Amino acid sequence: MSQTTDKPTLGAHAESSNRVQQPVLNRMLARPEIGALVAAIVIGIFFLIVAPAFRSGDSLFTVLYQSSTIGIVAVGVGMLMIGGEFDLSAGVIVTSAGLFNAMLSYQLGLNLWVGAVTSLLFALFIGFLNGYLVMKTGIASFLITLGTFFVLQGVNLGVTKLVTGSVSTPNINQMDGYGALHAIFASNFDLGSVSVQITVLWWLLFVAISTWVLTRTRIGNWIFAVGGNAASARAVGVPVLKVKVGLFMTVSFLGWFMGMHTLYNFNTLQAGNGVGNEFLYIIAAVVGGTMLTGGYGNAIGVAIGSFIFGMTNLCIVYAGWDPNWFRAFLGVMLLLAVLVNLYVKKLSTSRKVG
């Protein structure tokens, strides 16, 4: 009598027994946004207790608006950091874009739409220049964009004062094109009994697009690859130059977008605005789980990091505390986020043979 042996089953069993696996808890903790999510929940509960004003719907949407003013640009900064680079000029690009639109249109009597489109081209050029110089010179993006920061800061103040005689732009709310641009960049709408700024919707849209790009497209794979090891990525055919220049231009585009919001929300701009915001974008990304070394992070984590910023910034006021404590909180959050990110990165690379 012959005896049959189920070799495929035994083989599959042997392969399964040697497969590298991780515990479910480790896989959950290794998600970039988990640390930020836990922090957001804890901080939110804390402020619900100590700041009664935070418990209203109006306060929540005010926090969301505050978060969106940082979160929109932080989406691009987070993607750039995943790609292994920094942009310290992101804060002043916001102001430069708004100033460019306002002064070009006002001084030449142009429709504001012409100024907005020209301002977009200017912002994209700055992003292209940052990325191109970083890639072609080999100088660290920290230094290249720091130089761009100082150039734009000086030009913003110097040109504005030279053209207008002051450090602010003229009021533009009577110029052609204002109504439509205000509706796109700075309008609000009622949701039940609360008023919602349109930037909150734009923020959520940009987060969704970034999440889709990073997780569902070949470009997303390239971004993680160049952030992890640019030389290895280049060796397997990834267009490193195009990817990194594109990421810098993405930051500039989102900076332009926030510049348009700032201009059409307040109808005038101060030339010195935006200085220091570049650090808030980076902090939002790091608190959200993005590694400073590149190759790790996601847009959802950056969004949560931005929400923590907005919530803390306003809830300190709601609680009646000295607002100066906010900066101290940012420093503590940054240090804790770096430590947590290092820990979860170790979890993400750990393996258990079952």
Protein backbone atom coordinates (compact mmCIF):
# COMPACT_ATOMS: atom_id res chain seq x y z
CA MET A 1 0.00 0.00 0.00
CA SER A 2 1.37 3.37 -0.93
CA GLN A 3 1.55 6.20 1.60
CA THR A 4 1.00 9.78 0.51
CA THR A 5 2.64 12.72 2.19
CA ASP A 6 1.18 16.20 1.99
CA LYS A 7 4.47 17.87 1.22
CA PRO A 8 3.03 21.21 0.11
CA THR A 9 1.21 21.52 3.41
CA LEU A 10 4.35 20.70 5.36
CA GLY A 11 6.31 23.15 3.27
CA ALA A 12 3.77 25.88 3.81
CA HIS A 13 3.77 25.12 7.52
CA ALA A 14 7.54 25.33 7.69
CA GLU A 15 7.52 28.60 5.76
CA SER A 16 4.83 29.99 8.05
CA SER A 17 6.73 28.97 11.17
CA ASN A 18 9.84 30.81 9.97
CA ARG A 19 8.05 33.91 8.78
CA VAL A 20 9.13 37.17 10.39
CA GLN A 21 6.24 38.58 12.39
CA GLN A 22 5.54 41.38 14.81
CA PRO A 23 3.12 41.47 17.73
CA VAL A 24 -0.05 43.43 16.99
CA LEU A 25 0.74 45.97 19.70
CA ASN A 26 4.18 46.61 18.24
CA ARG A 27 2.68 47.14 14.80
CA MET A 28 0.20 49.64 16.21
CA LEU A 29 2.82 51.54 18.21
CA ALA A 30 5.11 51.62 15.18
CA ARG A 31 2.62 53.78 13.27
CA PRO A 32 4.17 57.28 12.99
CA GLU A 33 1.02 59.06 14.16
CA ILE A 34 0.22 56.93 17.21
CA GLY A 35 2.38 58.88 19.66
CA ALA A 36 0.88 62.17 18.49
CA LEU A 37 -2.65 60.76 18.67
CA VAL A 38 -2.18 59.65 22.27
CA ALA A 39 -0.68 63.04 23.14
CA ALA A 40 -3.57 64.88 21.45
CA ILE A 41 -6.14 62.85 23.41
CA VAL A 42 -4.36 63.44 26.73
CA ILE A 43 -3.88 67.16 26.09
CA GLY A 44 -7.47 67.50 24.89
CA ILE A 45 -8.89 65.85 28.02
CA PHE A 46 -6.65 68.02 30.19
CA PHE A 47 -7.84 71.26 28.62
CA LEU A 48 -11.47 70.15 28.69
CA ILE A 49 -11.04 69.94 32.46
CA VAL A 50 -9.04 73.12 33.12
CA ALA A 51 -10.45 75.37 30.34
CA PRO A 52 -14.28 75.35 30.33
CA ALA A 53 -14.34 77.72 27.33
CA PHE A 54 -12.86 74.92 25.22
CA ARG A 55 -16.02 72.85 25.61
CA SER A 56 -18.07 74.84 23.08
CA GLY A 57 -18.38 74.09 19.37
CA ASP A 58 -17.17 77.59 18.45
CA SER A 59 -13.97 77.03 20.42
CA LEU A 60 -13.32 73.69 18.74
CA PHE A 61 -13.61 75.17 15.26
CA THR A 62 -11.47 78.13 16.28
CA VAL A 63 -8.83 75.60 17.31
CA LEU A 64 -9.23 73.83 13.96
CA TYR A 65 -8.76 77.12 12.14
CA GLN A 66 -5.64 77.93 14.18
CA SER A 67 -4.35 74.44 13.42
CA SER A 68 -4.99 74.85 9.70
CA THR A 69 -2.88 78.03 9.50
CA ILE A 70 0.12 75.92 10.51
CA GLY A 71 -1.07 72.58 9.18
CA ILE A 72 -1.41 73.53 5.51
CA VAL A 73 2.27 74.40 5.08
CA ALA A 74 3.29 71.69 7.56
CA VAL A 75 1.87 69.09 5.13
CA GLY A 76 4.51 70.07 2.57
CA VAL A 77 7.24 70.47 5.18
CA GLY A 78 6.46 66.98 6.51
CA MET A 79 6.71 65.45 3.04
CA LEU A 80 10.00 67.26 2.48
CA MET A 81 11.34 65.95 5.80
CA ILE A 82 10.30 62.41 4.87
CA GLY A 83 12.35 63.03 1.74
CA GLY A 84 15.34 63.88 3.94
CA GLU A 85 15.46 67.69 3.61
CA PHE A 86 14.49 70.88 5.50
CA ASP A 87 13.14 74.23 4.35
CA LEU A 88 13.80 77.11 6.74
CA SER A 89 12.42 79.64 4.26
CA ALA A 90 8.85 78.28 4.42
CA GLY A 91 7.66 80.91 6.89
CA VAL A 92 8.83 83.94 4.94
CA ILE A 93 7.65 82.46 1.62
CA VAL A 94 4.11 82.81 2.99
CA THR A 95 4.64 86.53 3.54
CA SER A 96 6.60 87.02 0.30
CA ALA A 97 3.78 85.48 -1.75
CA GLY A 98 1.15 87.73 -0.18
CA LEU A 99 3.30 90.86 -0.52
CA PHE A 100 4.07 90.03 -4.17
CA ASN A 101 0.38 89.69 -5.00
CA ALA A 102 -0.71 92.84 -3.17
CA MET A 103 2.01 95.23 -4.30
CA LEU A 104 2.21 94.06 -7.92
CA SER A 105 -1.54 94.39 -8.38
CA TYR A 106 -1.87 97.68 -6.49
CA GLN A 107 1.14 99.49 -7.95
CA LEU A 108 0.43 98.44 -11.55
CA GLY A 109 -3.35 98.58 -11.31
CA LEU A 110 -3.72 94.90 -12.25
CA ASN A 111 -6.55 92.54 -11.48
CA LEU A 112 -5.76 90.65 -8.27
CA TRP A 113 -6.02 87.37 -10.19
CA VAL A 114 -3.01 88.41 -12.28
CA GLY A 115 -1.09 89.19 -9.13
CA ALA A 116 -2.08 85.88 -7.54
CA VAL A 117 -0.96 83.79 -10.51
CA THR A 118 2.29 85.75 -10.86
CA SER A 119 2.86 85.34 -7.14
CA LEU A 120 2.38 81.57 -7.53
CA LEU A 121 5.02 81.44 -10.27
CA PHE A 122 7.37 83.44 -8.04
CA ALA A 123 6.84 81.05 -5.10
CA LEU A 124 7.37 77.98 -7.30
CA PHE A 125 10.57 79.51 -8.62
CA ILE A 126 11.86 79.96 -5.06
CA GLY A 127 11.06 76.33 -4.31
CA PHE A 128 12.74 75.18 -7.52
CA LEU A 129 15.82 77.28 -6.75
CA ASN A 130 16.07 75.88 -3.21
CA GLY A 131 15.84 72.29 -4.43
CA TYR A 132 18.15 72.76 -7.41
CA LEU A 133 20.87 74.42 -5.32
CA VAL A 134 20.66 71.72 -2.65
CA MET A 135 21.01 68.94 -5.20
CA LYS A 136 23.63 70.52 -7.44
CA THR A 137 25.90 71.98 -4.78
CA GLY A 138 25.65 69.22 -2.19
CA ILE A 139 25.27 71.87 0.51
CA ALA A 140 22.86 70.92 3.29
CA SER A 141 19.30 72.12 2.75
CA PHE A 142 19.46 73.67 6.22
CA LEU A 143 22.10 76.14 4.99
CA ILE A 144 20.66 76.78 1.52
CA THR A 145 17.19 77.56 2.82
CA LEU A 146 18.59 79.57 5.73
CA GLY A 147 20.21 81.79 3.12
CA THR A 148 16.91 82.02 1.24
CA PHE A 149 15.21 82.92 4.52
CA PHE A 150 17.46 85.92 5.10
CA VAL A 151 17.26 87.07 1.48
CA LEU A 152 13.45 86.97 1.45
CA GLN A 153 13.16 88.55 4.87
CA GLY A 154 15.34 91.48 3.80
CA VAL A 155 13.60 91.87 0.43
CA ASN A 156 10.17 91.74 2.07
CA LEU A 157 11.01 94.62 4.39
CA GLY A 158 13.22 96.62 2.04
CA VAL A 159 11.05 96.50 -1.09
CA THR A 160 7.80 97.06 0.81
CA LYS A 161 9.19 100.16 2.51
CA LEU A 162 10.73 101.42 -0.75
CA VAL A 163 7.49 101.03 -2.72
CA THR A 164 4.84 101.94 -0.14
CA GLY A 165 6.80 104.09 2.29
CA SER A 166 5.85 101.77 5.16
CA VAL A 167 6.24 98.13 6.14
CA SER A 168 2.68 97.14 5.23
CA THR A 169 0.75 96.79 1.99
CA PRO A 170 -2.24 98.97 1.01
CA ASN A 171 -5.75 97.67 1.65
CA ILE A 172 -6.84 95.66 -1.39
CA ASN A 173 -10.49 94.96 -0.62
CA GLN A 174 -11.77 97.36 -3.31
CA MET A 175 -9.68 95.98 -6.16
CA ASP A 176 -10.91 93.87 -9.07
CA GLY A 177 -10.89 90.15 -8.35
CA TYR A 178 -11.00 90.53 -4.58
CA GLY A 179 -14.43 88.92 -4.08
CA ALA A 180 -13.64 85.64 -5.81
CA LEU A 181 -10.18 85.31 -4.27
CA HIS A 182 -11.53 86.07 -0.80
CA ALA A 183 -14.17 83.37 -1.28
CA ILE A 184 -11.53 80.79 -2.28
CA PHE A 185 -8.89 81.56 0.32
CA ALA A 186 -10.51 83.29 3.28
CA SER A 187 -14.28 82.79 3.40
CA ASN A 188 -16.26 81.00 6.07
CA PHE A 189 -19.57 79.19 6.21
CA ASP A 190 -22.06 78.17 8.87
CA LEU A 191 -22.25 74.59 10.06
CA GLY A 192 -25.21 74.48 12.36
CA SER A 193 -24.59 77.12 15.00
CA VAL A 194 -20.85 77.46 14.38
CA SER A 195 -18.83 79.27 11.75
CA VAL A 196 -16.14 77.31 9.88
CA GLN A 197 -13.20 78.88 8.06
CA ILE A 198 -12.66 77.46 4.58
CA THR A 199 -8.98 76.90 5.36
CA VAL A 200 -10.05 74.00 7.60
CA LEU A 201 -11.50 72.23 4.54
CA TRP A 202 -8.44 73.07 2.43
CA TRP A 203 -6.23 71.67 5.19
CA LEU A 204 -8.14 68.39 5.30
CA LEU A 205 -8.00 68.18 1.50
CA PHE A 206 -4.23 68.69 1.40
CA VAL A 207 -3.75 66.07 4.14
CA ALA A 208 -5.87 63.60 2.14
CA ILE A 209 -3.91 64.28 -1.06
CA SER A 210 -0.58 63.92 0.74
CA THR A 211 -1.73 60.66 2.35
CA TRP A 212 -2.78 59.29 -1.03
CA VAL A 213 0.51 60.30 -2.67
CA LEU A 214 2.65 58.82 0.10
CA THR A 215 0.75 55.54 0.43
CA ARG A 216 -0.76 54.83 -2.98
CA THR A 217 1.58 56.17 -5.65
CA ARG A 218 5.03 55.44 -7.02
CA ILE A 219 6.03 59.01 -6.19
CA GLY A 220 5.30 58.25 -2.54
CA ASN A 221 7.62 55.24 -2.68
CA TRP A 222 10.28 57.45 -4.22
CA ILE A 223 9.90 60.04 -1.44
CA PHE A 224 10.48 57.42 1.25
CA ALA A 225 13.35 55.95 -0.74
CA VAL A 226 15.26 59.21 -1.19
CA GLY A 227 14.69 60.07 2.45
CA GLY A 228 15.98 56.73 3.64
CA ASN A 229 19.06 56.55 1.41
CA ALA A 230 19.36 58.80 -1.63
CA ALA A 231 22.37 56.95 -3.06
CA SER A 232 20.61 53.58 -2.93
CA ALA A 233 17.45 55.12 -4.40
CA ARG A 234 19.44 56.57 -7.28
CA ALA A 235 21.08 53.21 -7.88
CA VAL A 236 17.70 51.54 -8.46
CA GLY A 237 16.50 54.23 -10.85
CA VAL A 238 14.67 56.72 -8.62
CA PRO A 239 14.87 60.27 -10.12
CA VAL A 240 16.29 61.80 -6.94
CA LEU A 241 16.77 65.29 -8.38
CA LYS A 242 13.18 65.55 -9.63
CA VAL A 243 11.73 64.14 -6.42
CA LYS A 244 13.57 66.52 -4.12
CA VAL A 245 13.06 69.59 -6.28
CA GLY A 246 9.38 68.67 -6.50
CA LEU A 247 9.17 68.45 -2.71
CA PHE A 248 10.70 71.91 -2.27
CA MET A 249 8.24 73.27 -4.84
CA THR A 250 5.37 71.62 -2.94
CA VAL A 251 6.40 73.50 0.21
CA SER A 252 6.51 76.73 -1.79
CA PHE A 253 3.08 76.08 -3.32
CA LEU A 254 1.51 75.53 0.10
CA GLY A 255 3.38 78.59 1.39
CA TRP A 256 1.84 80.58 -1.48
CA PHE A 257 -1.57 79.21 -0.56
CA MET A 258 -1.24 80.39 3.03
CA GLY A 259 0.08 83.72 1.78
CA MET A 260 -3.11 84.14 -0.22
CA HIS A 261 -5.20 83.26 2.82
CA THR A 262 -3.35 85.74 5.02
CA LEU A 263 -3.67 88.52 2.45
CA TYR A 264 -7.35 88.00 1.64
CA ASN A 265 -8.30 87.36 5.25
CA PHE A 266 -6.82 90.63 6.55
CA ASN A 267 -6.74 92.65 3.27
CA THR A 268 -3.25 93.92 4.12
CA LEU A 269 0.07 92.39 5.17
CA GLN A 270 2.94 93.36 7.45
CA ALA A 271 6.27 92.75 5.71
CA GLY A 272 7.85 91.28 8.85
CA ASN A 273 5.27 88.54 9.30
CA GLY A 274 6.11 84.83 9.00
CA VAL A 275 9.51 84.89 10.69
CA GLY A 276 9.70 81.94 13.07
CA ASN A 277 6.80 80.00 11.56
CA GLU A 278 9.21 77.68 9.78
CA PHE A 279 10.06 76.17 13.16
CA LEU A 280 6.37 75.66 13.95
CA TYR A 281 5.95 73.69 10.72
CA ILE A 282 8.92 71.50 11.60
CA ILE A 283 7.69 71.01 15.17
CA ALA A 284 4.23 69.99 13.89
CA ALA A 285 5.86 67.41 11.63
CA VAL A 286 8.18 66.04 14.32
CA VAL A 287 5.45 65.88 16.96
CA GLY A 288 3.38 64.04 14.36
CA GLY A 289 5.98 61.28 14.07
CA THR A 290 8.18 62.47 11.19
CA MET A 291 11.81 61.51 11.70
CA LEU A 292 14.43 64.25 11.46
CA THR A 293 16.66 61.79 9.61
CA GLY A 294 14.13 61.25 6.81
CA GLY A 295 12.38 58.22 5.37
CA TYR A 296 9.68 57.93 8.05
CA GLY A 297 6.40 59.71 8.77
CA ASN A 298 2.99 60.42 7.26
CA ALA A 299 0.58 63.27 6.61
CA ILE A 300 -1.96 62.19 9.23
CA GLY A 301 0.67 62.45 11.94
CA VAL A 302 1.64 65.94 10.72
CA ALA A 303 -2.04 66.94 10.87
CA ILE A 304 -2.31 65.70 14.45
CA GLY A 305 0.87 67.57 15.33
CA SER A 306 -0.64 70.75 13.86
CA PHE A 307 -3.84 70.17 15.84
CA ILE A 308 -1.82 69.84 19.07
CA PHE A 309 -0.19 73.17 18.23
CA GLY A 310 -3.52 74.91 17.59
CA MET A 311 -5.21 73.37 20.62
CA THR A 312 -2.43 74.28 23.02
CA ASN A 313 -1.95 77.77 21.61
CA LEU A 314 -5.58 78.72 22.20
CA CYS A 315 -6.41 76.59 25.24
CA ILE A 316 -3.65 78.20 27.28
CA VAL A 317 -5.56 81.45 26.72
CA TYR A 318 -8.91 79.77 27.40
CA ALA A 319 -7.51 78.52 30.70
CA GLY A 320 -6.45 82.05 31.64
CA TRP A 321 -2.75 81.24 31.82
CA ASP A 322 0.21 83.36 30.77
CA PRO A 323 0.60 82.80 26.97
CA ASN A 324 4.38 82.87 27.37
CA TRP A 325 4.17 79.30 28.65
CA PHE A 326 3.23 78.21 25.14
CA ARG A 327 6.83 78.42 23.93
CA ALA A 328 7.99 76.33 26.87
CA PHE A 329 5.34 73.76 25.98
CA LEU A 330 6.57 73.63 22.37
CA GLY A 331 10.10 72.92 23.55
CA VAL A 332 8.96 70.11 25.84
CA MET A 333 6.75 68.62 23.13
CA LEU A 334 9.60 68.68 20.62
CA LEU A 335 11.98 66.88 22.97
CA LEU A 336 9.37 64.29 23.92
CA ALA A 337 8.40 63.78 20.29
CA VAL A 338 12.00 63.07 19.27
CA LEU A 339 12.33 60.49 22.04
CA VAL A 340 9.00 58.86 21.20
CA ASN A 341 9.84 58.80 17.49
CA LEU A 342 13.13 57.04 18.17
CA TYR A 343 11.32 54.46 20.28
CA VAL A 344 8.58 53.71 17.75
CA LYS A 345 11.15 53.57 14.96
CA LYS A 346 12.90 50.81 16.89
CA LEU A 347 9.58 49.01 17.24
CA SER A 348 8.96 49.33 13.51
CA THR A 349 12.27 47.67 12.71
CA SER A 350 12.11 44.98 15.38
CA ARG A 351 11.10 41.45 14.33
CA LYS A 352 9.86 38.37 16.09
CA VAL A 353 10.09 34.89 14.63
CA GLY A 354 6.91 32.95 15.46
